[in-house]
Amino acid sequence: MQLDDREDWAVDFAETMAREIFQGVRTGVLTKAEADQLLACLRMVLDQAIERSRQHS
């Protein structure tokens, strides 16, 4: 998998997760604050994964 493919995958994954998290807010499973916290953590994990991929390519 090339770096661009990994970045594309990460973006697609993040978008999917964001939709699912906001669905949780819409249905009352999550609060807006919980959703914001989950998205912030997700972004951090994805950024770290992309950075590590760049270092090892």
Foldseek 3Di string as FASTA:
>chain_A
DDLVVLVVVLVVVLVVVLVVLVVCCVVVVDPPVRSVVVSVVSVVVSVVVSVVVVVVD
